[in-house]
Amino acid sequence: MIPVERNEVMIPDFTLRDTNDPLGRKVYLEIVGFWTPEYLSRKIAKVREAKLDNLILAVSKKLALSDSVADELNVLWFKGRLLVQDVIERTESGLQG
Protein backbone atom coordinates (compact mmCIF):
# COMPACT_ATOMS: atom_id res chain seq x y z
CA MET A 1 0.00 0.00 0.00
CA ILE A 2 1.32 3.40 -1.01
CA PRO A 3 -0.17 6.51 0.65
CA VAL A 4 -1.24 9.28 -1.72
CA GLU A 5 -2.96 12.60 -1.13
CA ARG A 6 -6.51 13.02 0.21
CA ASN A 7 -6.25 10.07 2.62
CA GLU A 8 -6.18 7.56 -0.21
CA VAL A 9 -3.84 4.70 -1.00
CA MET A 10 -2.58 3.10 -4.16
CA ILE A 11 -2.19 -0.67 -4.21
CA PRO A 12 0.11 -1.68 -7.07
CA ASP A 13 -0.58 -4.89 -8.95
CA PHE A 14 2.86 -6.31 -8.08
CA THR A 15 5.89 -5.59 -5.91
CA LEU A 16 9.14 -6.83 -7.46
CA ARG A 17 12.19 -7.59 -5.35
CA ASP A 18 15.60 -9.07 -6.00
CA THR A 19 16.20 -11.42 -3.09
CA ASN A 20 19.96 -10.98 -3.61
CA ASP A 21 19.78 -7.19 -3.25
CA PRO A 22 21.42 -6.36 0.11
CA LEU A 23 19.54 -3.02 0.24
CA GLY A 24 16.16 -4.69 -0.06
CA ARG A 25 15.01 -2.31 -2.78
CA LYS A 26 11.72 -2.95 -4.52
CA VAL A 27 9.96 -1.84 -7.67
CA TYR A 28 6.20 -1.55 -7.97
CA LEU A 29 4.43 -2.64 -11.15
CA GLU A 30 1.05 -1.24 -12.09
CA ILE A 31 -0.56 -2.61 -15.25
CA VAL A 32 -3.20 -0.57 -17.06
CA GLY A 33 -4.72 -2.56 -19.88
CA PHE A 34 -8.34 -2.37 -20.84
CA TRP A 35 -10.15 0.31 -18.85
CA THR A 36 -12.37 3.30 -19.32
CA PRO A 37 -11.00 6.81 -19.87
CA GLU A 38 -12.29 7.78 -16.42
CA TYR A 39 -10.39 4.92 -14.76
CA LEU A 40 -7.23 5.89 -16.63
CA SER A 41 -7.58 9.52 -15.47
CA ARG A 42 -7.95 8.45 -11.83
CA LYS A 43 -5.01 6.05 -12.12
CA ILE A 44 -2.76 8.76 -13.59
CA ALA A 45 -3.75 11.13 -10.78
CA LYS A 46 -2.85 8.53 -8.15
CA VAL A 47 0.49 7.76 -9.81
CA ARG A 48 1.34 11.46 -9.88
CA GLU A 49 0.36 11.87 -6.23
CA ALA A 50 2.42 8.85 -5.15
CA LYS A 51 5.59 10.53 -6.55
CA LEU A 52 7.52 7.25 -6.74
CA ASP A 53 10.67 6.79 -8.76
CA ASN A 54 10.42 3.02 -8.34
CA LEU A 55 7.06 2.52 -10.03
CA ILE A 56 6.68 0.95 -13.45
CA LEU A 57 3.45 2.02 -15.07
CA ALA A 58 2.76 -0.42 -17.91
CA VAL A 59 0.08 0.89 -20.26
CA SER A 60 -1.57 -0.76 -23.25
CA LYS A 61 -1.02 1.08 -26.51
CA LYS A 62 -4.76 0.68 -27.08
CA LEU A 63 -5.46 3.35 -24.48
CA ALA A 64 -5.57 7.02 -25.40
CA LEU A 65 -2.72 8.31 -23.25
CA SER A 66 -1.03 11.46 -24.45
CA ASP A 67 2.67 11.41 -25.24
CA SER A 68 3.35 14.17 -22.71
CA VAL A 69 1.73 12.18 -19.88
CA ALA A 70 3.49 8.99 -21.00
CA ASP A 71 6.86 10.79 -20.93
CA GLU A 72 6.14 12.39 -17.55
CA LEU A 73 5.26 9.04 -15.97
CA ASN A 74 7.95 7.06 -17.82
CA VAL A 75 5.36 4.62 -19.17
CA LEU A 76 6.31 1.14 -20.28
CA TRP A 77 4.11 0.57 -23.33
CA PHE A 78 2.84 -2.85 -24.31
CA LYS A 79 0.81 -4.08 -27.24
CA GLY A 80 -1.50 -7.02 -26.78
CA ARG A 81 0.34 -8.50 -23.80
CA LEU A 82 2.99 -7.28 -21.41
CA LEU A 83 6.27 -9.09 -22.02
CA VAL A 84 8.17 -10.37 -18.99
CA GLN A 85 11.51 -9.40 -20.54
CA ASP A 86 10.40 -5.77 -20.88
CA VAL A 87 9.38 -5.69 -17.21
CA ILE A 88 12.68 -7.29 -16.15
CA GLU A 89 14.71 -4.75 -18.14
CA ARG A 90 12.76 -1.82 -16.70
CA THR A 91 12.96 -3.30 -13.19
CA GLU A 92 16.71 -3.75 -13.40
CA SER A 93 17.20 -0.18 -14.57
CA GLY A 94 14.94 0.99 -11.69
CA LEU A 95 16.98 -0.89 -9.10
CA GLN A 96 20.32 0.53 -10.20
CA GLY A 97 19.79 3.97 -8.69
PDB file of N, CA and C in Angstrom:
ATOM      1  N   MET A   1       0.830  -1.166   0.000  1.00  0.00           N
ATOM      2  CA  MET A   1       0.000   0.000   0.000  1.00  0.00           C
ATOM      3  C   MET A   1       0.889   1.249   0.000  1.00  0.00           C
ATOM      4  N   ILE A   2       0.553   2.163  -0.889  1.00  0.00           N
ATOM      5  CA  ILE A   2       1.315   3.401  -1.008  1.00  0.00           C
ATOM      6  C   ILE A   2       0.377   4.570  -0.701  1.00  0.00           C
ATOM      7  N   PRO A   3       0.686   5.360   0.344  1.00  0.00           N
ATOM      8  CA  PRO A   3      -0.172   6.506   0.646  1.00  0.00           C
ATOM      9  C   PRO A   3      -0.062   7.570  -0.436  1.00  0.00           C
ATOM     10  N   VAL A   4      -1.202   8.144  -0.793  1.00  0.00           N
ATOM     11  CA  VAL A   4      -1.237   9.280  -1.716  1.00  0.00           C
ATOM     12  C   VAL A   4      -2.061  10.369  -1.047  1.00  0.00           C
ATOM     13  N   GLU A   5      -2.245  11.473  -1.721  1.00  0.00           N
ATOM     14  CA  GLU A   5      -2.963  12.603  -1.126  1.00  0.00           C
ATOM     15  C   GLU A   5      -4.420  12.264  -0.859  1.00  0.00           C
ATOM     16  N   ARG A   6      -5.084  13.108  -0.107  1.00  0.00           N
ATOM     17  CA  ARG A   6      -6.509  13.023   0.210  1.00  0.00           C
ATOM     18  C   ARG A   6      -6.864  11.730   0.942  1.00  0.00           C
ATOM     19  N   ASN A   7      -5.975  11.259   1.806  1.00  0.00           N
ATOM     20  CA  ASN A   7      -6.247  10.070   2.619  1.00  0.00           C
ATOM     21  C   ASN A   7      -6.607   8.844   1.787  1.00  0.00           C
ATOM     22  N   GLU A   8      -5.973   8.714   0.648  1.00  0.00           N
ATOM     23  CA  GLU A   8      -6.179   7.557  -0.209  1.00  0.00           C
ATOM     24  C   GLU A   8      -4.894   6.750  -0.270  1.00  0.00           C
ATOM     25  N   VAL A   9      -5.016   5.538  -0.776  1.00  0.00           N
ATOM     26  CA  VAL A   9      -3.842   4.703  -1.000  1.00  0.00           C
ATOM     27  C   VAL A   9      -3.881   4.170  -2.417  1.00  0.00           C
ATOM     28  N   MET A  10      -2.714   3.765  -2.871  1.00  0.00           N
ATOM     29  CA  MET A  10      -2.581   3.099  -4.159  1.00  0.00           C
ATOM     30  C   MET A  10      -2.030   1.715  -3.863  1.00  0.00           C
ATOM     31  N   ILE A  11      -2.662   0.697  -4.407  1.00  0.00           N
ATOM     32  CA  ILE A  11      -2.192  -0.667  -4.207  1.00  0.00           C
ATOM     33  C   ILE A  11      -1.722  -1.184  -5.561  1.00  0.00           C
ATOM     34  N   PRO A  12      -0.403  -1.240  -5.772  1.00  0.00           N
ATOM     35  CA  PRO A  12       0.115  -1.683  -7.070  1.00  0.00           C
ATOM     36  C   PRO A  12      -0.232  -3.152  -7.313  1.00  0.00           C
ATOM     37  N   ASP A  13      -0.271  -3.509  -8.583  1.00  0.00           N
ATOM     38  CA  ASP A  13      -0.576  -4.886  -8.949  1.00  0.00           C
ATOM     39  C   ASP A  13       0.489  -5.851  -8.420  1.00  0.00           C
ATOM     40  N   PHE A  14       1.760  -5.445  -8.504  1.00  0.00           N
ATOM     41  CA  PHE A  14       2.861  -6.308  -8.076  1.00  0.00           C
ATOM     42  C   PHE A  14       3.946  -5.491  -7.388  1.00  0.00           C
ATOM     43  N   THR A  15       4.671  -6.136  -6.490  1.00  0.00           N
ATOM     44  CA  THR A  15       5.889  -5.587  -5.907  1.00  0.00           C
ATOM     45  C   THR A  15       7.013  -6.540  -6.290  1.00  0.00           C
ATOM     46  N   LEU A  16       8.030  -6.009  -6.958  1.00  0.00           N
ATOM     47  CA  LEU A  16       9.140  -6.833  -7.455  1.00  0.00           C
ATOM     48  C   LEU A  16      10.368  -6.590  -6.595  1.00  0.00           C
ATOM     49  N   ARG A  17      10.988  -7.682  -6.180  1.00  0.00           N
ATOM     50  CA  ARG A  17      12.194  -7.590  -5.349  1.00  0.00           C
ATOM     51  C   ARG A  17      13.236  -8.558  -5.875  1.00  0.00           C
ATOM     52  N   ASP A  18      14.486  -8.174  -5.743  1.00  0.00           N
ATOM     53  CA  ASP A  18      15.601  -9.069  -5.999  1.00  0.00           C
ATOM     54  C   ASP A  18      16.051  -9.589  -4.645  1.00  0.00           C
ATOM     55  N   THR A  19      15.865 -10.861  -4.402  1.00  0.00           N
ATOM     56  CA  THR A  19      16.198 -11.418  -3.088  1.00  0.00           C
ATOM     57  C   THR A  19      17.687 -11.347  -2.792  1.00  0.00           C
ATOM     58  N   ASN A  20      18.505 -11.106  -3.810  1.00  0.00           N
ATOM     59  CA  ASN A  20      19.959 -10.981  -3.607  1.00  0.00           C
ATOM     60  C   ASN A  20      20.396  -9.536  -3.386  1.00  0.00           C
ATOM     61  N   ASP A  21      19.459  -8.606  -3.428  1.00  0.00           N
ATOM     62  CA  ASP A  21      19.781  -7.190  -3.251  1.00  0.00           C
ATOM     63  C   ASP A  21      19.963  -6.905  -1.756  1.00  0.00           C
ATOM     64  N   PRO A  22      21.180  -6.588  -1.320  1.00  0.00           N
ATOM     65  CA  PRO A  22      21.416  -6.358   0.109  1.00  0.00           C
ATOM     66  C   PRO A  22      20.676  -5.134   0.657  1.00  0.00           C
ATOM     67  N   LEU A  23      20.262  -4.215  -0.214  1.00  0.00           N
ATOM     68  CA  LEU A  23      19.545  -3.022   0.241  1.00  0.00           C
ATOM     69  C   LEU A  23      18.038  -3.258   0.341  1.00  0.00           C
ATOM     70  N   GLY A  24      17.572  -4.378  -0.152  1.00  0.00           N
ATOM     71  CA  GLY A  24      16.158  -4.690  -0.064  1.00  0.00           C
ATOM     72  C   GLY A  24      15.262  -3.783  -0.879  1.00  0.00           C
ATOM     73  N   ARG A  25      15.815  -3.217  -1.948  1.00  0.00           N
ATOM     74  CA  ARG A  25      15.015  -2.314  -2.780  1.00  0.00           C
ATOM     75  C   ARG A  25      13.890  -3.078  -3.475  1.00  0.00           C
ATOM     76  N   LYS A  26      12.842  -2.344  -3.818  1.00  0.00           N
ATOM     77  CA  LYS A  26      11.724  -2.946  -4.523  1.00  0.00           C
ATOM     78  C   LYS A  26      11.214  -2.002  -5.602  1.00  0.00           C
ATOM     79  N   VAL A  27      10.564  -2.589  -6.580  1.00  0.00           N
ATOM     80  CA  VAL A  27       9.963  -1.844  -7.670  1.00  0.00           C
ATOM     81  C   VAL A  27       8.500  -2.258  -7.732  1.00  0.00           C
ATOM     82  N   TYR A  28       7.625  -1.276  -7.851  1.00  0.00           N
ATOM     83  CA  TYR A  28       6.200  -1.552  -7.969  1.00  0.00           C
ATOM     84  C   TYR A  28       5.821  -1.599  -9.444  1.00  0.00           C
ATOM     85  N   LEU A  29       4.921  -2.508  -9.775  1.00  0.00           N
ATOM     86  CA  LEU A  29       4.430  -2.640 -11.148  1.00  0.00           C
ATOM     87  C   LEU A  29       2.921  -2.454 -11.143  1.00  0.00           C
ATOM     88  N   GLU A  30       2.474  -1.493 -11.918  1.00  0.00           N
ATOM     89  CA  GLU A  30       1.046  -1.236 -12.091  1.00  0.00           C
ATOM     90  C   GLU A  30       0.731  -1.423 -13.567  1.00  0.00           C
ATOM     91  N   ILE A  31      -0.212  -2.304 -13.871  1.00  0.00           N
ATOM     92  CA  ILE A  31      -0.564  -2.614 -15.253  1.00  0.00           C
ATOM     93  C   ILE A  31      -1.928  -2.005 -15.561  1.00  0.00           C
ATOM     94  N   VAL A  32      -1.955  -1.194 -16.619  1.00  0.00           N
ATOM     95  CA  VAL A  32      -3.199  -0.571 -17.061  1.00  0.00           C
ATOM     96  C   VAL A  32      -3.462  -1.075 -18.473  1.00  0.00           C
ATOM     97  N   GLY A  33      -4.456  -1.937 -18.584  1.00  0.00           N
ATOM     98  CA  GLY A  33      -4.723  -2.564 -19.880  1.00  0.00           C
ATOM     99  C   GLY A  33      -5.991  -2.065 -20.525  1.00  0.00           C
ATOM    100  N   PHE A  34      -7.087  -2.640 -20.155  1.00  0.00           N
ATOM    101  CA  PHE A  34      -8.341  -2.374 -20.837  1.00  0.00           C
ATOM    102  C   PHE A  34      -9.324  -1.739 -19.856  1.00  0.00           C
ATOM    103  N   TRP A  35      -9.318  -0.403 -19.814  1.00  0.00           N
ATOM    104  CA  TRP A  35     -10.150   0.309 -18.854  1.00  0.00           C
ATOM    105  C   TRP A  35     -10.787   1.510 -19.502  1.00  0.00           C
ATOM    106  N   THR A  36     -11.684   2.124 -18.801  1.00  0.00           N
ATOM    107  CA  THR A  36     -12.375   3.304 -19.317  1.00  0.00           C
ATOM    108  C   THR A  36     -11.469   4.540 -19.214  1.00  0.00           C
ATOM    109  N   PRO A  37     -11.768   5.570 -19.979  1.00  0.00           N
ATOM    110  CA  PRO A  37     -10.999   6.815 -19.867  1.00  0.00           C
ATOM    111  C   PRO A  37     -11.035   7.400 -18.455  1.00  0.00           C
ATOM    112  N   GLU A  38     -12.166   7.259 -17.776  1.00  0.00           N
ATOM    113  CA  GLU A  38     -12.289   7.781 -16.416  1.00  0.00           C
ATOM    114  C   GLU A  38     -11.354   7.041 -15.464  1.00  0.00           C
ATOM    115  N   TYR A  39     -11.291   5.722 -15.591  1.00  0.00           N
ATOM    116  CA  TYR A  39     -10.391   4.919 -14.759  1.00  0.00           C
ATOM    117  C   TYR A  39      -8.948   5.336 -15.015  1.00  0.00           C
ATOM    118  N   LEU A  40      -8.596   5.505 -16.281  1.00  0.00           N
ATOM    119  CA  LEU A  40      -7.230   5.894 -16.625  1.00  0.00           C
ATOM    120  C   LEU A  40      -6.891   7.251 -16.027  1.00  0.00           C
ATOM    121  N   SER A  41      -7.817   8.195 -16.066  1.00  0.00           N
ATOM    122  CA  SER A  41      -7.581   9.520 -15.473  1.00  0.00           C
ATOM    123  C   SER A  41      -7.329   9.417 -13.971  1.00  0.00           C
ATOM    124  N   ARG A  42      -8.145   8.617 -13.281  1.00  0.00           N
ATOM    125  CA  ARG A  42      -7.952   8.445 -11.833  1.00  0.00           C
ATOM    126  C   ARG A  42      -6.625   7.758 -11.531  1.00  0.00           C
ATOM    127  N   LYS A  43      -6.266   6.781 -12.330  1.00  0.00           N
ATOM    128  CA  LYS A  43      -5.006   6.053 -12.123  1.00  0.00           C
ATOM    129  C   LYS A  43      -3.818   6.995 -12.309  1.00  0.00           C
ATOM    130  N   ILE A  44      -3.852   7.805 -13.346  1.00  0.00           N
ATOM    131  CA  ILE A  44      -2.762   8.760 -13.594  1.00  0.00           C
ATOM    132  C   ILE A  44      -2.650   9.731 -12.428  1.00  0.00           C
ATOM    133  N   ALA A  45      -3.779  10.198 -11.917  1.00  0.00           N
ATOM    134  CA  ALA A  45      -3.751  11.126 -10.775  1.00  0.00           C
ATOM    135  C   ALA A  45      -3.100  10.465  -9.571  1.00  0.00           C
ATOM    136  N   LYS A  46      -3.442   9.217  -9.293  1.00  0.00           N
ATOM    137  CA  LYS A  46      -2.846   8.527  -8.147  1.00  0.00           C
ATOM    138  C   LYS A  46      -1.352   8.313  -8.342  1.00  0.00           C
ATOM    139  N   VAL A  47      -0.940   7.956  -9.552  1.00  0.00           N
ATOM    140  CA  VAL A  47       0.486   7.755  -9.814  1.00  0.00           C
ATOM    141  C   VAL A  47       1.249   9.065  -9.612  1.00  0.00           C
ATOM    142  N   ARG A  48       0.694  10.152 -10.089  1.00  0.00           N
ATOM    143  CA  ARG A  48       1.336  11.461  -9.881  1.00  0.00           C
ATOM    144  C   ARG A  48       1.447  11.781  -8.397  1.00  0.00           C
ATOM    145  N   GLU A  49       0.379  11.546  -7.655  1.00  0.00           N
ATOM    146  CA  GLU A  49       0.357  11.869  -6.228  1.00  0.00           C
ATOM    147  C   GLU A  49       1.321  11.004  -5.430  1.00  0.00           C
ATOM    148  N   ALA A  50       1.524   9.769  -5.866  1.00  0.00           N
ATOM    149  CA  ALA A  50       2.417   8.853  -5.154  1.00  0.00           C
ATOM    150  C   ALA A  50       3.874   9.306  -5.266  1.00  0.00           C
ATOM    151  N   LYS A  51       4.239   9.981  -6.360  1.00  0.00           N
ATOM    152  CA  LYS A  51       5.588  10.526  -6.554  1.00  0.00           C
ATOM    153  C   LYS A  51       6.678   9.481  -6.284  1.00  0.00           C
ATOM    154  N   LEU A  52       6.552   8.324  -6.918  1.00  0.00           N
ATOM    155  CA  LEU A  52       7.521   7.250  -6.743  1.00  0.00           C
ATOM    156  C   LEU A  52       8.454   7.165  -7.936  1.00  0.00           C
ATOM    157  N   ASP A  53       9.739   7.008  -7.665  1.00  0.00           N
ATOM    158  CA  ASP A  53      10.672   6.793  -8.756  1.00  0.00           C
ATOM    159  C   ASP A  53      10.924   5.304  -8.966  1.00  0.00           C
ATOM    160  N   ASN A  54      10.257   4.462  -8.201  1.00  0.00           N
ATOM    161  CA  ASN A  54      10.421   3.020  -8.339  1.00  0.00           C
ATOM    162  C   ASN A  54       9.099   2.347  -8.728  1.00  0.00           C
ATOM    163  N   LEU A  55       8.324   3.053  -9.546  1.00  0.00           N
ATOM    164  CA  LEU A  55       7.055   2.521 -10.028  1.00  0.00           C
ATOM    165  C   LEU A  55       7.117   2.376 -11.537  1.00  0.00           C
ATOM    166  N   ILE A  56       6.814   1.177 -12.020  1.00  0.00           N
ATOM    167  CA  ILE A  56       6.681   0.949 -13.449  1.00  0.00           C
ATOM    168  C   ILE A  56       5.199   1.013 -13.764  1.00  0.00           C
ATOM    169  N   LEU A  57       4.828   1.919 -14.622  1.00  0.00           N
ATOM    170  CA  LEU A  57       3.449   2.024 -15.073  1.00  0.00           C
ATOM    171  C   LEU A  57       3.397   1.463 -16.485  1.00  0.00           C
ATOM    172  N   ALA A  58       2.883   0.242 -16.615  1.00  0.00           N
ATOM    173  CA  ALA A  58       2.763  -0.417 -17.912  1.00  0.00           C
ATOM    174  C   ALA A  58       1.379  -0.124 -18.469  1.00  0.00           C
ATOM    175  N   VAL A  59       1.342   0.448 -19.675  1.00  0.00           N
ATOM    176  CA  VAL A  59       0.076   0.886 -20.256  1.00  0.00           C
ATOM    177  C   VAL A  59      -0.072   0.298 -21.654  1.00  0.00           C
ATOM    178  N   SER A  60      -1.263  -0.231 -21.923  1.00  0.00           N
ATOM    179  CA  SER A  60      -1.570  -0.758 -23.245  1.00  0.00           C
ATOM    180  C   SER A  60      -1.577   0.368 -24.264  1.00  0.00           C
ATOM    181  N   LYS A  61      -1.012   0.080 -25.439  1.00  0.00           N
ATOM    182  CA  LYS A  61      -1.025   1.077 -26.513  1.00  0.00           C
ATOM    183  C   LYS A  61      -2.430   1.340 -27.035  1.00  0.00           C
ATOM    184  N   LYS A  62      -3.377   0.493 -26.658  1.00  0.00           N
ATOM    185  CA  LYS A  62      -4.765   0.684 -27.084  1.00  0.00           C
ATOM    186  C   LYS A  62      -5.437   1.849 -26.359  1.00  0.00           C
ATOM    187  N   LEU A  63      -4.858   2.275 -25.253  1.00  0.00           N
ATOM    188  CA  LEU A  63      -5.457   3.353 -24.475  1.00  0.00           C
ATOM    189  C   LEU A  63      -4.988   4.704 -24.989  1.00  0.00           C
ATOM    190  N   ALA A  64      -5.869   5.681 -24.910  1.00  0.00           N
ATOM    191  CA  ALA A  64      -5.567   7.019 -25.397  1.00  0.00           C
ATOM    192  C   ALA A  64      -4.842   7.802 -24.309  1.00  0.00           C
ATOM    193  N   LEU A  65      -3.546   7.590 -24.220  1.00  0.00           N
ATOM    194  CA  LEU A  65      -2.719   8.307 -23.253  1.00  0.00           C
ATOM    195  C   LEU A  65      -1.808   9.243 -24.033  1.00  0.00           C
ATOM    196  N   SER A  66      -1.821  10.492 -23.684  1.00  0.00           N
ATOM    197  CA  SER A  66      -1.031  11.462 -24.446  1.00  0.00           C
ATOM    198  C   SER A  66       0.455  11.196 -24.277  1.00  0.00           C
ATOM    199  N   ASP A  67       1.214  11.594 -25.282  1.00  0.00           N
ATOM    200  CA  ASP A  67       2.671  11.405 -25.237  1.00  0.00           C
ATOM    201  C   ASP A  67       3.288  12.178 -24.083  1.00  0.00           C
ATOM    202  N   SER A  68       2.768  13.367 -23.796  1.00  0.00           N
ATOM    203  CA  SER A  68       3.353  14.165 -22.713  1.00  0.00           C
ATOM    204  C   SER A  68       3.153  13.480 -21.361  1.00  0.00           C
ATOM    205  N   VAL A  69       1.977  12.898 -21.129  1.00  0.00           N
ATOM    206  CA  VAL A  69       1.727  12.177 -19.875  1.00  0.00           C
ATOM    207  C   VAL A  69       2.579  10.919 -19.827  1.00  0.00           C
ATOM    208  N   ALA A  70       2.677  10.215 -20.945  1.00  0.00           N
ATOM    209  CA  ALA A  70       3.488   8.995 -20.998  1.00  0.00           C
ATOM    210  C   ALA A  70       4.944   9.305 -20.685  1.00  0.00           C
ATOM    211  N   ASP A  71       5.467  10.395 -21.211  1.00  0.00           N
ATOM    212  CA  ASP A  71       6.856  10.787 -20.930  1.00  0.00           C
ATOM    213  C   ASP A  71       7.029  11.178 -19.467  1.00  0.00           C
ATOM    214  N   GLU A  72       6.086  11.941 -18.947  1.00  0.00           N
ATOM    215  CA  GLU A  72       6.143  12.392 -17.553  1.00  0.00           C
ATOM    216  C   GLU A  72       6.183  11.204 -16.587  1.00  0.00           C
ATOM    217  N   LEU A  73       5.379  10.193 -16.866  1.00  0.00           N
ATOM    218  CA  LEU A  73       5.257   9.045 -15.968  1.00  0.00           C
ATOM    219  C   LEU A  73       6.172   7.891 -16.343  1.00  0.00           C
ATOM    220  N   ASN A  74       6.996   8.089 -17.378  1.00  0.00           N
ATOM    221  CA  ASN A  74       7.946   7.064 -17.816  1.00  0.00           C
ATOM    222  C   ASN A  74       7.232   5.733 -18.057  1.00  0.00           C
ATOM    223  N   VAL A  75       6.219   5.775 -18.892  1.00  0.00           N
ATOM    224  CA  VAL A  75       5.360   4.624 -19.167  1.00  0.00           C
ATOM    225  C   VAL A  75       6.126   3.538 -19.918  1.00  0.00           C
ATOM    226  N   LEU A  76       5.856   2.308 -19.551  1.00  0.00           N
ATOM    227  CA  LEU A  76       6.314   1.137 -20.284  1.00  0.00           C
ATOM    228  C   LEU A  76       5.129   0.683 -21.128  1.00  0.00           C
ATOM    229  N   TRP A  77       5.206   0.923 -22.431  1.00  0.00           N
ATOM    230  CA  TRP A  77       4.110   0.571 -23.327  1.00  0.00           C
ATOM    231  C   TRP A  77       4.115  -0.916 -23.619  1.00  0.00           C
ATOM    232  N   PHE A  78       2.938  -1.477 -23.808  1.00  0.00           N
ATOM    233  CA  PHE A  78       2.845  -2.846 -24.311  1.00  0.00           C
ATOM    234  C   PHE A  78       1.694  -2.934 -25.295  1.00  0.00           C
ATOM    235  N   LYS A  79       1.831  -3.875 -26.222  1.00  0.00           N
ATOM    236  CA  LYS A  79       0.806  -4.075 -27.238  1.00  0.00           C
ATOM    237  C   LYS A  79       0.328  -5.512 -27.143  1.00  0.00           C
ATOM    238  N   GLY A  80      -0.941  -5.683 -26.869  1.00  0.00           N
ATOM    239  CA  GLY A  80      -1.503  -7.022 -26.776  1.00  0.00           C
ATOM    240  C   GLY A  80      -1.260  -7.658 -25.415  1.00  0.00           C
ATOM    241  N   ARG A  81      -0.013  -7.924 -25.106  1.00  0.00           N
ATOM    242  CA  ARG A  81       0.339  -8.496 -23.801  1.00  0.00           C
ATOM    243  C   ARG A  81       1.650  -7.893 -23.321  1.00  0.00           C
ATOM    244  N   LEU A  82       1.785  -7.822 -22.031  1.00  0.00           N
ATOM    245  CA  LEU A  82       2.990  -7.278 -21.410  1.00  0.00           C
ATOM    246  C   LEU A  82       4.048  -8.373 -21.379  1.00  0.00           C
ATOM    247  N   LEU A  83       5.207  -8.090 -21.946  1.00  0.00           N
ATOM    248  CA  LEU A  83       6.270  -9.093 -22.016  1.00  0.00           C
ATOM    249  C   LEU A  83       7.122  -9.074 -20.751  1.00  0.00           C
ATOM    250  N   VAL A  84       7.378 -10.243 -20.217  1.00  0.00           N
ATOM    251  CA  VAL A  84       8.168 -10.375 -18.993  1.00  0.00           C
ATOM    252  C   VAL A  84       9.543  -9.737 -19.172  1.00  0.00           C
ATOM    253  N   GLN A  85      10.171  -9.945 -20.316  1.00  0.00           N
ATOM    254  CA  GLN A  85      11.513  -9.403 -20.545  1.00  0.00           C
ATOM    255  C   GLN A  85      11.525  -7.878 -20.454  1.00  0.00           C
ATOM    256  N   ASP A  86      10.484  -7.237 -20.966  1.00  0.00           N
ATOM    257  CA  ASP A  86      10.396  -5.771 -20.879  1.00  0.00           C
ATOM    258  C   ASP A  86      10.296  -5.314 -19.429  1.00  0.00           C
ATOM    259  N   VAL A  87       9.517  -6.035 -18.633  1.00  0.00           N
ATOM    260  CA  VAL A  87       9.381  -5.695 -17.213  1.00  0.00           C
ATOM    261  C   VAL A  87      10.703  -5.913 -16.488  1.00  0.00           C
ATOM    262  N   ILE A  88      11.389  -7.008 -16.791  1.00  0.00           N
ATOM    263  CA  ILE A  88      12.684  -7.287 -16.148  1.00  0.00           C
ATOM    264  C   ILE A  88      13.689  -6.191 -16.481  1.00  0.00           C
ATOM    265  N   GLU A  89      13.757  -5.811 -17.740  1.00  0.00           N
ATOM    266  CA  GLU A  89      14.707  -4.749 -18.140  1.00  0.00           C
ATOM    267  C   GLU A  89      14.395  -3.447 -17.427  1.00  0.00           C
ATOM    268  N   ARG A  90      13.126  -3.066 -17.377  1.00  0.00           N
ATOM    269  CA  ARG A  90      12.761  -1.822 -16.704  1.00  0.00           C
ATOM    270  C   ARG A  90      13.015  -1.929 -15.200  1.00  0.00           C
ATOM    271  N   THR A  91      12.732  -3.087 -14.628  1.00  0.00           N
ATOM    272  CA  THR A  91      12.959  -3.300 -13.187  1.00  0.00           C
ATOM    273  C   THR A  91      14.429  -3.165 -12.858  1.00  0.00           C
ATOM    274  N   GLU A  92      15.273  -3.813 -13.641  1.00  0.00           N
ATOM    275  CA  GLU A  92      16.712  -3.751 -13.396  1.00  0.00           C
ATOM    276  C   GLU A  92      17.230  -2.327 -13.497  1.00  0.00           C
ATOM    277  N   SER A  93      16.737  -1.573 -14.460  1.00  0.00           N
ATOM    278  CA  SER A  93      17.197  -0.185 -14.567  1.00  0.00           C
ATOM    279  C   SER A  93      16.679   0.630 -13.385  1.00  0.00           C
ATOM    280  N   GLY A  94      15.502   0.293 -12.846  1.00  0.00           N
ATOM    281  CA  GLY A  94      14.942   0.990 -11.693  1.00  0.00           C
ATOM    282  C   GLY A  94      15.673   0.670 -10.408  1.00  0.00           C
ATOM    283  N   LEU A  95      16.291  -0.492 -10.324  1.00  0.00           N
ATOM    284  CA  LEU A  95      16.984  -0.892  -9.103  1.00  0.00           C
ATOM    285  C   LEU A  95      18.444  -0.439  -9.072  1.00  0.00           C
ATOM    286  N   GLN A  96      18.922   0.136 -10.164  1.00  0.00           N
ATOM    287  CA  GLN A  96      20.322   0.531 -10.203  1.00  0.00           C
ATOM    288  C   GLN A  96      20.583   1.838  -9.467  1.00  0.00           C
ATOM    289  N   GLY A  97      19.564   2.658  -9.287  1.00  0.00           N
ATOM    290  CA  GLY A  97      19.794   3.966  -8.689  1.00  0.00           C
ATOM    291  C   GLY A  97      19.704   4.025  -7.221  1.00  0.00           C
TER     292      GLY A  97
END
